[in-house]
Amino acid sequence: MADWDIEPTLAATQDAAEAVRAACHAAYHAPKADTGNVYDRCGALYQLLICVEQAVSDLSRHADRLTSSPGLTTTGAADPNVVVSRAAHLLLQAQGSVVEAHTLVNDAWTELSSLYIADVAE
């Protein structure tokens, strides 16, 4: 499969993962005493986690729909419908964890909103 043949959802998810990797790398060089930067990055992370929640929810639904795929089978002895059901359930649990994460990040973002660095007279 050529790069241009990648399913758009997979391509977008791979691009997003690469963008997050780049953000993590950039964080090594982020300003250390810039309250606005930390506040803004917290808000951006909150937005990212909201999107991740939606992506996990969609993926769980799509996994669950695999049960209606004709000829669905597994490489092992497990019933493919049981495998799909377990995967969909695990993805729903992951969604709950992401909701908890974005709630905590939102709370941190709110806490940071009152910070600033006062001018220090020299």
Protein backbone atom coordinates (compact mmCIF):
# COMPACT_ATOMS: atom_id res chain seq x y z
CA MET A 1 0.00 0.00 0.00
CA ALA A 2 1.47 3.34 -1.04
CA ASP A 3 1.45 6.30 1.38
CA TRP A 4 -1.34 7.95 -0.60
CA ASP A 5 -3.48 4.82 -0.17
CA ILE A 6 -3.56 4.99 3.63
CA GLU A 7 -7.09 5.23 5.00
CA PRO A 8 -7.66 8.90 5.93
CA THR A 9 -8.51 8.21 9.59
CA LEU A 10 -5.32 6.21 10.06
CA ALA A 11 -3.24 8.83 8.25
CA ALA A 12 -4.68 11.64 10.38
CA THR A 13 -4.09 9.64 13.58
CA GLN A 14 -0.49 8.94 12.58
CA ASP A 15 0.01 12.64 11.77
CA ALA A 16 -1.45 13.61 15.15
CA ALA A 17 0.85 11.19 16.95
CA GLU A 18 3.82 12.69 15.13
CA ALA A 19 2.68 16.21 16.04
CA VAL A 20 2.43 15.23 19.72
CA ARG A 21 5.90 13.68 19.53
CA ALA A 22 7.22 16.95 18.08
CA ALA A 23 5.49 18.91 20.86
CA CYS A 24 7.11 16.70 23.50
CA HIS A 25 10.50 17.27 21.90
CA ALA A 26 9.89 21.03 21.71
CA ALA A 27 8.97 21.07 25.40
CA TYR A 28 12.64 20.45 26.25
CA HIS A 29 13.38 23.94 24.91
CA ALA A 30 10.23 25.72 26.12
CA PRO A 31 10.63 28.88 28.21
CA LYS A 32 10.99 27.93 31.87
CA ALA A 33 9.52 30.99 33.61
CA ASP A 34 6.82 31.97 31.15
CA THR A 35 3.47 31.58 32.92
CA GLY A 36 1.55 32.44 29.75
CA ASN A 37 3.31 29.71 27.83
CA VAL A 38 2.58 27.09 30.49
CA TYR A 39 -1.05 28.25 30.72
CA ASP A 40 -1.49 28.18 26.93
CA ARG A 41 0.17 24.78 26.62
CA CYS A 42 -2.14 23.43 29.33
CA GLY A 43 -5.14 24.72 27.38
CA ALA A 44 -3.82 23.17 24.17
CA LEU A 45 -3.30 19.84 25.95
CA TYR A 46 -6.88 20.01 27.23
CA GLN A 47 -8.12 20.52 23.65
CA LEU A 48 -5.96 17.63 22.46
CA LEU A 49 -7.37 15.32 25.12
CA ILE A 50 -10.94 16.27 24.14
CA CYS A 51 -10.09 15.20 20.59
CA VAL A 52 -8.43 11.99 21.84
CA GLU A 53 -11.60 11.19 23.79
CA GLN A 54 -13.63 11.46 20.57
CA ALA A 55 -11.09 9.36 18.66
CA VAL A 56 -11.22 6.59 21.28
CA SER A 57 -15.02 6.68 21.33
CA ASP A 58 -15.16 6.41 17.53
CA LEU A 59 -12.63 3.58 17.54
CA SER A 60 -14.62 1.68 20.16
CA ARG A 61 -17.76 1.96 18.02
CA HIS A 62 -15.87 0.88 14.92
CA ALA A 63 -14.36 -2.10 16.74
CA ASP A 64 -17.80 -3.10 17.97
CA ARG A 65 -19.12 -3.01 14.38
CA LEU A 66 -16.59 -5.66 13.37
CA THR A 67 -18.97 -8.31 14.72
CA SER A 68 -21.09 -7.85 11.61
CA SER A 69 -18.13 -8.44 9.27
CA PRO A 70 -18.75 -11.53 7.13
CA GLY A 71 -16.07 -14.19 7.57
CA LEU A 72 -14.56 -12.62 10.70
CA THR A 73 -12.08 -15.02 12.26
CA THR A 74 -9.02 -15.02 14.52
CA THR A 75 -5.58 -16.60 14.35
CA GLY A 76 -6.32 -18.43 17.61
CA ALA A 77 -9.14 -20.48 19.03
CA ALA A 78 -10.99 -17.48 20.49
CA ASP A 79 -14.42 -16.59 19.18
CA PRO A 80 -13.88 -13.49 17.01
CA ASN A 81 -17.01 -11.85 18.42
CA VAL A 82 -15.64 -12.27 21.94
CA VAL A 83 -12.34 -10.72 20.82
CA VAL A 84 -14.20 -7.76 19.29
CA SER A 85 -16.38 -7.37 22.37
CA ARG A 86 -13.35 -7.35 24.69
CA ALA A 87 -11.52 -4.84 22.49
CA ALA A 88 -14.54 -2.52 22.33
CA HIS A 89 -14.92 -2.75 26.12
CA LEU A 90 -11.24 -1.96 26.67
CA LEU A 91 -11.54 1.05 24.38
CA LEU A 92 -14.54 2.28 26.38
CA GLN A 93 -12.42 1.97 29.53
CA ALA A 94 -9.66 3.92 27.80
CA GLN A 95 -12.19 6.61 26.91
CA GLY A 96 -13.07 6.92 30.58
CA SER A 97 -9.40 7.34 31.44
CA VAL A 98 -9.04 10.05 28.81
CA VAL A 99 -12.10 11.84 30.23
CA GLU A 100 -10.46 11.73 33.65
CA ALA A 101 -7.20 13.04 32.16
CA HIS A 102 -8.82 15.96 30.33
CA THR A 103 -10.80 16.84 33.45
CA LEU A 104 -7.61 16.96 35.51
CA VAL A 105 -5.79 18.98 32.85
CA ASN A 106 -8.73 21.39 32.70
CA ASP A 107 -8.56 21.78 36.49
CA ALA A 108 -4.82 22.51 36.26
CA TRP A 109 -5.48 24.99 33.46
CA THR A 110 -8.01 26.77 35.68
CA GLU A 111 -5.52 26.86 38.56
CA LEU A 112 -2.86 28.42 36.31
CA SER A 113 -5.19 31.16 35.07
CA SER A 114 -4.41 33.52 37.96
CA LEU A 115 -0.61 33.33 37.69
CA TYR A 116 1.67 36.01 36.37
CA ILE A 117 5.19 37.18 37.02
CA ALA A 118 5.30 40.62 38.59
CA ASP A 119 7.83 43.18 37.46
CA VAL A 120 10.67 43.22 39.94
CA ALA A 121 12.23 46.65 40.50
CA GLU A 122 15.97 46.52 40.21
